[in-house]
Amino acid sequence: MERVVFARALPEFRLEVEFNHGRKGEVALEDRLFGPMFEPLKNPEFFQRVPVDEFGAVCWPNGAGLAPDSLYRTIGSAKKS
């Protein structure tokens, strides 16, 4: 099971993430920041406040989160391109 062990906000609403299996990569989120939960993340200062929760998911203080398996697949498919 994939778990995020490190996440860091980057410019232009991108995240650098590292998984428990060692895979690392970046995910661009600008096009995904819509809807009531993700709209606040359009504020760059709020976007920077990204921790990893106890389940290995990327999350923000307002409850918005990204599942580790989805991030893992996104990074995996980007590396194959």
PDB file of N, CA and C in Angstrom:
ATOM      1  N   MET A   1       0.841  -1.187   0.000  1.00  0.00           N
ATOM      2  CA  MET A   1       0.000   0.000   0.000  1.00  0.00           C
ATOM      3  C   MET A   1       0.880   1.241   0.000  1.00  0.00           C
ATOM      4  N   GLU A   2       0.591   2.139  -0.921  1.00  0.00           N
ATOM      5  CA  GLU A   2       1.369   3.365  -1.034  1.00  0.00           C
ATOM      6  C   GLU A   2       0.973   4.349   0.056  1.00  0.00           C
ATOM      7  N   ARG A   3       1.982   4.978   0.611  1.00  0.00           N
ATOM      8  CA  ARG A   3       1.773   6.044   1.591  1.00  0.00           C
ATOM      9  C   ARG A   3       2.749   7.164   1.270  1.00  0.00           C
ATOM     10  N   VAL A   4       2.256   8.374   1.333  1.00  0.00           N
ATOM     11  CA  VAL A   4       3.132   9.533   1.158  1.00  0.00           C
ATOM     12  C   VAL A   4       3.869   9.733   2.481  1.00  0.00           C
ATOM     13  N   VAL A   5       5.192   9.889   2.392  1.00  0.00           N
ATOM     14  CA  VAL A   5       5.991  10.134   3.597  1.00  0.00           C
ATOM     15  C   VAL A   5       6.530  11.561   3.640  1.00  0.00           C
ATOM     16  N   PHE A   6       6.439  12.260   2.502  1.00  0.00           N
ATOM     17  CA  PHE A   6       6.927  13.635   2.432  1.00  0.00           C
ATOM     18  C   PHE A   6       6.147  14.366   1.347  1.00  0.00           C
ATOM     19  N   ALA A   7       5.746  15.588   1.633  1.00  0.00           N
ATOM     20  CA  ALA A   7       5.097  16.440   0.638  1.00  0.00           C
ATOM     21  C   ALA A   7       5.560  17.875   0.838  1.00  0.00           C
ATOM     22  N   ARG A   8       5.829  18.529  -0.278  1.00  0.00           N
ATOM     23  CA  ARG A   8       6.247  19.925  -0.216  1.00  0.00           C
ATOM     24  C   ARG A   8       5.564  20.678  -1.338  1.00  0.00           C
ATOM     25  N   ALA A   9       4.981  21.816  -1.005  1.00  0.00           N
ATOM     26  CA  ALA A   9       4.346  22.673  -1.999  1.00  0.00           C
ATOM     27  C   ALA A   9       5.423  23.384  -2.809  1.00  0.00           C
ATOM     28  N   LEU A  10       5.203  23.433  -4.113  1.00  0.00           N
ATOM     29  CA  LEU A  10       6.100  24.111  -5.042  1.00  0.00           C
ATOM     30  C   LEU A  10       5.337  25.238  -5.724  1.00  0.00           C
ATOM     31  N   PRO A  11       6.049  26.122  -6.414  1.00  0.00           N
ATOM     32  CA  PRO A  11       5.351  27.191  -7.152  1.00  0.00           C
ATOM     33  C   PRO A  11       4.391  26.616  -8.192  1.00  0.00           C
ATOM     34  N   GLU A  12       3.452  27.451  -8.594  1.00  0.00           N
ATOM     35  CA  GLU A  12       2.479  27.125  -9.631  1.00  0.00           C
ATOM     36  C   GLU A  12       1.592  25.939  -9.255  1.00  0.00           C
ATOM     37  N   PHE A  13       1.290  25.815  -7.972  1.00  0.00           N
ATOM     38  CA  PHE A  13       0.357  24.804  -7.449  1.00  0.00           C
ATOM     39  C   PHE A  13       0.774  23.383  -7.820  1.00  0.00           C
ATOM     40  N   ARG A  14       2.065  23.119  -7.606  1.00  0.00           N
ATOM     41  CA  ARG A  14       2.602  21.777  -7.798  1.00  0.00           C
ATOM     42  C   ARG A  14       3.033  21.233  -6.437  1.00  0.00           C
ATOM     43  N   LEU A  15       3.043  19.918  -6.332  1.00  0.00           N
ATOM     44  CA  LEU A  15       3.515  19.257  -5.122  1.00  0.00           C
ATOM     45  C   LEU A  15       4.665  18.335  -5.460  1.00  0.00           C
ATOM     46  N   GLU A  16       5.657  18.330  -4.612  1.00  0.00           N
ATOM     47  CA  GLU A  16       6.711  17.323  -4.660  1.00  0.00           C
ATOM     48  C   GLU A  16       6.330  16.292  -3.599  1.00  0.00           C
ATOM     49  N   VAL A  17       6.274  15.037  -3.966  1.00  0.00           N
ATOM     50  CA  VAL A  17       5.899  13.996  -3.017  1.00  0.00           C
ATOM     51  C   VAL A  17       6.882  12.841  -3.082  1.00  0.00           C
ATOM     52  N   GLU A  18       7.018  12.161  -1.946  1.00  0.00           N
ATOM     53  CA  GLU A  18       7.832  10.947  -1.859  1.00  0.00           C
ATOM     54  C   GLU A  18       6.999   9.896  -1.144  1.00  0.00           C
ATOM     55  N   PHE A  19       7.072   8.672  -1.650  1.00  0.00           N
ATOM     56  CA  PHE A  19       6.297   7.566  -1.107  1.00  0.00           C
ATOM     57  C   PHE A  19       7.156   6.615  -0.295  1.00  0.00           C
ATOM     58  N   ASN A  20       6.489   5.808   0.504  1.00  0.00           N
ATOM     59  CA  ASN A  20       7.183   4.855   1.365  1.00  0.00           C
ATOM     60  C   ASN A  20       8.002   3.843   0.571  1.00  0.00           C
ATOM     61  N   HIS A  21       7.692   3.622  -0.693  1.00  0.00           N
ATOM     62  CA  HIS A  21       8.449   2.678  -1.522  1.00  0.00           C
ATOM     63  C   HIS A  21       9.614   3.355  -2.241  1.00  0.00           C
ATOM     64  N   GLY A  22       9.781   4.652  -2.006  1.00  0.00           N
ATOM     65  CA  GLY A  22      10.899   5.375  -2.596  1.00  0.00           C
ATOM     66  C   GLY A  22      10.579   6.179  -3.843  1.00  0.00           C
ATOM     67  N   ARG A  23       9.419   5.961  -4.455  1.00  0.00           N
ATOM     68  CA  ARG A  23       9.074   6.742  -5.649  1.00  0.00           C
ATOM     69  C   ARG A  23       8.922   8.209  -5.255  1.00  0.00           C
ATOM     70  N   LYS A  24       9.467   9.088  -6.102  1.00  0.00           N
ATOM     71  CA  LYS A  24       9.370  10.530  -5.890  1.00  0.00           C
ATOM     72  C   LYS A  24       8.897  11.162  -7.185  1.00  0.00           C
ATOM     73  N   GLY A  25       8.284  12.315  -7.060  1.00  0.00           N
ATOM     74  CA  GLY A  25       7.879  13.036  -8.252  1.00  0.00           C
ATOM     75  C   GLY A  25       7.103  14.287  -7.930  1.00  0.00           C
ATOM     76  N   GLU A  26       6.681  14.944  -8.987  1.00  0.00           N
ATOM     77  CA  GLU A  26       5.890  16.167  -8.862  1.00  0.00           C
ATOM     78  C   GLU A  26       4.523  15.961  -9.490  1.00  0.00           C
ATOM     79  N   VAL A  27       3.542  16.630  -8.898  1.00  0.00           N
ATOM     80  CA  VAL A  27       2.176  16.583  -9.401  1.00  0.00           C
ATOM     81  C   VAL A  27       1.690  18.017  -9.558  1.00  0.00           C
ATOM     82  N   ALA A  28       1.192  18.344 -10.753  1.00  0.00           N
ATOM     83  CA  ALA A  28       0.609  19.665 -11.019  1.00  0.00           C
ATOM     84  C   ALA A  28      -0.866  19.615 -10.658  1.00  0.00           C
ATOM     85  N   LEU A  29      -1.294  20.545  -9.816  1.00  0.00           N
ATOM     86  CA  LEU A  29      -2.675  20.529  -9.320  1.00  0.00           C
ATOM     87  C   LEU A  29      -3.514  21.716  -9.752  1.00  0.00           C
ATOM     88  N   GLU A  30      -2.937  22.672 -10.428  1.00  0.00           N
ATOM     89  CA  GLU A  30      -3.668  23.905 -10.747  1.00  0.00           C
ATOM     90  C   GLU A  30      -5.012  23.622 -11.421  1.00  0.00           C
ATOM     91  N   ASP A  31      -5.052  22.673 -12.344  1.00  0.00           N
ATOM     92  CA  ASP A  31      -6.297  22.363 -13.061  1.00  0.00           C
ATOM     93  C   ASP A  31      -7.299  21.588 -12.211  1.00  0.00           C
ATOM     94  N   ARG A  32      -6.888  21.126 -11.036  1.00  0.00           N
ATOM     95  CA  ARG A  32      -7.765  20.332 -10.167  1.00  0.00           C
ATOM     96  C   ARG A  32      -8.336  21.132  -8.996  1.00  0.00           C
ATOM     97  N   LEU A  33      -7.983  22.400  -8.892  1.00  0.00           N
ATOM     98  CA  LEU A  33      -8.391  23.200  -7.740  1.00  0.00           C
ATOM     99  C   LEU A  33      -9.741  23.870  -7.979  1.00  0.00           C
ATOM    100  N   PHE A  34     -10.793  23.082  -7.911  1.00  0.00           N
ATOM    101  CA  PHE A  34     -12.143  23.613  -8.052  1.00  0.00           C
ATOM    102  C   PHE A  34     -13.055  22.877  -7.087  1.00  0.00           C
ATOM    103  N   GLY A  35     -14.192  23.453  -6.848  1.00  0.00           N
ATOM    104  CA  GLY A  35     -15.141  22.876  -5.898  1.00  0.00           C
ATOM    105  C   GLY A  35     -14.909  23.425  -4.504  1.00  0.00           C
ATOM    106  N   PRO A  36     -15.877  23.233  -3.616  1.00  0.00           N
ATOM    107  CA  PRO A  36     -15.821  23.846  -2.294  1.00  0.00           C
ATOM    108  C   PRO A  36     -14.597  23.455  -1.448  1.00  0.00           C
ATOM    109  N   MET A  37     -14.120  22.250  -1.585  1.00  0.00           N
ATOM    110  CA  MET A  37     -12.980  21.829  -0.765  1.00  0.00           C
ATOM    111  C   MET A  37     -11.651  22.332  -1.310  1.00  0.00           C
ATOM    112  N   PHE A  38     -11.520  22.390  -2.629  1.00  0.00           N
ATOM    113  CA  PHE A  38     -10.231  22.723  -3.234  1.00  0.00           C
ATOM    114  C   PHE A  38     -10.087  24.189  -3.627  1.00  0.00           C
ATOM    115  N   GLU A  39     -11.177  24.930  -3.687  1.00  0.00           N
ATOM    116  CA  GLU A  39     -11.127  26.356  -4.039  1.00  0.00           C
ATOM    117  C   GLU A  39     -10.190  27.154  -3.124  1.00  0.00           C
ATOM    118  N   PRO A  40     -10.190  26.915  -1.794  1.00  0.00           N
ATOM    119  CA  PRO A  40      -9.279  27.666  -0.927  1.00  0.00           C
ATOM    120  C   PRO A  40      -7.797  27.438  -1.241  1.00  0.00           C
ATOM    121  N   LEU A  41      -7.472  26.330  -1.889  1.00  0.00           N
ATOM    122  CA  LEU A  41      -6.083  26.033  -2.214  1.00  0.00           C
ATOM    123  C   LEU A  41      -5.532  26.920  -3.318  1.00  0.00           C
ATOM    124  N   LYS A  42      -6.411  27.695  -3.992  1.00  0.00           N
ATOM    125  CA  LYS A  42      -5.956  28.643  -4.996  1.00  0.00           C
ATOM    126  C   LYS A  42      -5.206  29.815  -4.372  1.00  0.00           C
ATOM    127  N   ASN A  43      -5.330  29.951  -3.062  1.00  0.00           N
ATOM    128  CA  ASN A  43      -4.544  30.944  -2.329  1.00  0.00           C
ATOM    129  C   ASN A  43      -3.161  30.324  -2.105  1.00  0.00           C
ATOM    130  N   PRO A  44      -2.106  30.884  -2.709  1.00  0.00           N
ATOM    131  CA  PRO A  44      -0.772  30.288  -2.596  1.00  0.00           C
ATOM    132  C   PRO A  44      -0.291  30.083  -1.153  1.00  0.00           C
ATOM    133  N   GLU A  45      -0.639  31.001  -0.269  1.00  0.00           N
ATOM    134  CA  GLU A  45      -0.216  30.857   1.130  1.00  0.00           C
ATOM    135  C   GLU A  45      -0.903  29.660   1.794  1.00  0.00           C
ATOM    136  N   PHE A  46      -2.166  29.447   1.474  1.00  0.00           N
ATOM    137  CA  PHE A  46      -2.888  28.303   2.032  1.00  0.00           C
ATOM    138  C   PHE A  46      -2.378  26.997   1.410  1.00  0.00           C
ATOM    139  N   PHE A  47      -2.111  27.024   0.115  1.00  0.00           N
ATOM    140  CA  PHE A  47      -1.594  25.838  -0.579  1.00  0.00           C
ATOM    141  C   PHE A  47      -0.294  25.350   0.070  1.00  0.00           C
ATOM    142  N   GLN A  48       0.513  26.285   0.537  1.00  0.00           N
ATOM    143  CA  GLN A  48       1.802  25.942   1.168  1.00  0.00           C
ATOM    144  C   GLN A  48       1.632  25.150   2.466  1.00  0.00           C
ATOM    145  N   ARG A  49       0.470  25.194   3.067  1.00  0.00           N
ATOM    146  CA  ARG A  49       0.232  24.561   4.375  1.00  0.00           C
ATOM    147  C   ARG A  49      -0.162  23.084   4.218  1.00  0.00           C
ATOM    148  N   VAL A  50       0.584  22.336   3.442  1.00  0.00           N
ATOM    149  CA  VAL A  50       0.246  20.948   3.114  1.00  0.00           C
ATOM    150  C   VAL A  50       1.042  19.961   3.979  1.00  0.00           C
ATOM    151  N   PRO A  51       0.377  19.283   4.894  1.00  0.00           N
ATOM    152  CA  PRO A  51       1.056  18.223   5.639  1.00  0.00           C
ATOM    153  C   PRO A  51       0.668  16.847   5.078  1.00  0.00           C
ATOM    154  N   VAL A  52       1.292  15.835   5.610  1.00  0.00           N
ATOM    155  CA  VAL A  52       0.917  14.451   5.335  1.00  0.00           C
ATOM    156  C   VAL A  52       0.250  13.937   6.604  1.00  0.00           C
ATOM    157  N   ASP A  53      -0.927  13.325   6.464  1.00  0.00           N
ATOM    158  CA  ASP A  53      -1.626  12.843   7.665  1.00  0.00           C
ATOM    159  C   ASP A  53      -1.124  11.459   8.091  1.00  0.00           C
ATOM    160  N   GLU A  54      -1.694  10.946   9.150  1.00  0.00           N
ATOM    161  CA  GLU A  54      -1.248   9.668   9.722  1.00  0.00           C
ATOM    162  C   GLU A  54      -1.524   8.473   8.819  1.00  0.00           C
ATOM    163  N   PHE A  55      -2.323   8.665   7.780  1.00  0.00           N
ATOM    164  CA  PHE A  55      -2.640   7.589   6.845  1.00  0.00           C
ATOM    165  C   PHE A  55      -1.800   7.668   5.565  1.00  0.00           C
ATOM    166  N   GLY A  56      -0.883   8.631   5.514  1.00  0.00           N
ATOM    167  CA  GLY A  56      -0.044   8.794   4.337  1.00  0.00           C
ATOM    168  C   GLY A  56      -0.720   9.526   3.208  1.00  0.00           C
ATOM    169  N   ALA A  57      -1.722  10.319   3.530  1.00  0.00           N
ATOM    170  CA  ALA A  57      -2.422  11.122   2.524  1.00  0.00           C
ATOM    171  C   ALA A  57      -1.974  12.573   2.637  1.00  0.00           C
ATOM    172  N   VAL A  58      -1.950  13.254   1.514  1.00  0.00           N
ATOM    173  CA  VAL A  58      -1.661  14.679   1.483  1.00  0.00           C
ATOM    174  C   VAL A  58      -2.954  15.397   1.833  1.00  0.00           C
ATOM    175  N   CYS A  59      -2.881  16.366   2.739  1.00  0.00           N
ATOM    176  CA  CYS A  59      -4.097  17.038   3.174  1.00  0.00           C
ATOM    177  C   CYS A  59      -3.806  18.497   3.506  1.00  0.00           C
ATOM    178  N   TRP A  60      -4.863  19.253   3.673  1.00  0.00           N
ATOM    179  CA  TRP A  60      -4.749  20.663   4.052  1.00  0.00           C
ATOM    180  C   TRP A  60      -5.640  20.918   5.255  1.00  0.00           C
ATOM    181  N   PRO A  61      -5.425  22.014   5.975  1.00  0.00           N
ATOM    182  CA  PRO A  61      -6.198  22.290   7.192  1.00  0.00           C
ATOM    183  C   PRO A  61      -7.712  22.368   7.007  1.00  0.00           C
ATOM    184  N   ASN A  62      -8.203  22.647   5.803  1.00  0.00           N
ATOM    185  CA  ASN A  62      -9.649  22.742   5.594  1.00  0.00           C
ATOM    186  C   ASN A  62     -10.289  21.382   5.317  1.00  0.00           C
ATOM    187  N   GLY A  63      -9.504  20.310   5.312  1.00  0.00           N
ATOM    188  CA  GLY A  63     -10.040  18.975   5.061  1.00  0.00           C
ATOM    189  C   GLY A  63      -9.852  18.479   3.645  1.00  0.00           C
ATOM    190  N   ALA A  64      -9.397  19.329   2.733  1.00  0.00           N
ATOM    191  CA  ALA A  64      -9.109  18.885   1.366  1.00  0.00           C
ATOM    192  C   ALA A  64      -7.937  17.921   1.409  1.00  0.00           C
ATOM    193  N   GLY A  65      -8.024  16.865   0.627  1.00  0.00           N
ATOM    194  CA  GLY A  65      -6.946  15.895   0.626  1.00  0.00           C
ATOM    195  C   GLY A  65      -6.833  15.148  -0.681  1.00  0.00           C
ATOM    196  N   LEU A  66      -5.689  14.508  -0.859  1.00  0.00           N
ATOM    197  CA  LEU A  66      -5.415  13.722  -2.048  1.00  0.00           C
ATOM    198  C   LEU A  66      -4.982  12.328  -1.615  1.00  0.00           C
ATOM    199  N   ALA A  67      -5.624  11.325  -2.164  1.00  0.00           N
ATOM    200  CA  ALA A  67      -5.321   9.942  -1.805  1.00  0.00           C
ATOM    201  C   ALA A  67      -3.944   9.544  -2.322  1.00  0.00           C
ATOM    202  N   PRO A  68      -3.189   8.810  -1.515  1.00  0.00           N
ATOM    203  CA  PRO A  68      -1.851   8.403  -1.938  1.00  0.00           C
ATOM    204  C   PRO A  68      -1.847   7.560  -3.213  1.00  0.00           C
ATOM    205  N   ASP A  69      -2.807   6.662  -3.377  1.00  0.00           N
ATOM    206  CA  ASP A  69      -2.804   5.799  -4.565  1.00  0.00           C
ATOM    207  C   ASP A  69      -3.010   6.601  -5.846  1.00  0.00           C
ATOM    208  N   SER A  70      -3.833   7.634  -5.792  1.00  0.00           N
ATOM    209  CA  SER A  70      -4.055   8.484  -6.952  1.00  0.00           C
ATOM    210  C   SER A  70      -2.777   9.254  -7.312  1.00  0.00           C
ATOM    211  N   LEU A  71      -2.106   9.803  -6.312  1.00  0.00           N
ATOM    212  CA  LEU A  71      -0.847  10.516  -6.554  1.00  0.00           C
ATOM    213  C   LEU A  71       0.207   9.568  -7.110  1.00  0.00           C
ATOM    214  N   TYR A  72       0.269   8.365  -6.579  1.00  0.00           N
ATOM    215  CA  TYR A  72       1.237   7.362  -7.010  1.00  0.00           C
ATOM    216  C   TYR A  72       1.033   7.031  -8.491  1.00  0.00           C
ATOM    217  N   ARG A  73      -0.219   6.816  -8.893  1.00  0.00           N
ATOM    218  CA  ARG A  73      -0.517   6.522 -10.298  1.00  0.00           C
ATOM    219  C   ARG A  73      -0.183   7.721 -11.191  1.00  0.00           C
ATOM    220  N   THR A  74      -0.496   8.920 -10.730  1.00  0.00           N
ATOM    221  CA  THR A  74      -0.216  10.121 -11.520  1.00  0.00           C
ATOM    222  C   THR A  74       1.279  10.274 -11.763  1.00  0.00           C
ATOM    223  N   ILE A  75       2.073  10.075 -10.748  1.00  0.00           N
ATOM    224  CA  ILE A  75       3.523  10.194 -10.898  1.00  0.00           C
ATOM    225  C   ILE A  75       4.053   9.061 -11.761  1.00  0.00           C
ATOM    226  N   GLY A  76       3.520   7.863 -11.587  1.00  0.00           N
ATOM    227  CA  GLY A  76       3.948   6.725 -12.388  1.00  0.00           C
ATOM    228  C   GLY A  76       3.669   6.927 -13.867  1.00  0.00           C
ATOM    229  N   SER A  77       2.490   7.462 -14.190  1.00  0.00           N
ATOM    230  CA  SER A  77       2.145   7.661 -15.597  1.00  0.00           C
ATOM    231  C   SER A  77       2.969   8.805 -16.203  1.00  0.00           C
ATOM    232  N   ALA A  78       3.327   9.792 -15.399  1.00  0.00           N
ATOM    233  CA  ALA A  78       4.140  10.898 -15.891  1.00  0.00           C
ATOM    234  C   ALA A  78       5.550  10.411 -16.242  1.00  0.00           C
ATOM    235  N   LYS A  79       6.084   9.469 -15.481  1.00  0.00           N
ATOM    236  CA  LYS A  79       7.421   8.955 -15.739  1.00  0.00           C
ATOM    237  C   LYS A  79       7.462   8.101 -17.003  1.00  0.00           C
ATOM    238  N   LYS A  80       6.344   7.500 -17.386  1.00  0.00           N
ATOM    239  CA  LYS A  80       6.302   6.651 -18.584  1.00  0.00           C
ATOM    240  C   LYS A  80       6.202   7.474 -19.854  1.00  0.00           C
ATOM    241  N   SER A  81       5.782   8.741 -19.737  1.00  0.00           N
ATOM    242  CA  SER A  81       5.597   9.592 -20.930  1.00  0.00           C
ATOM    243  C   SER A  81       6.931   9.991 -21.529  1.00  0.00           C
TER     244      SER A  81
END
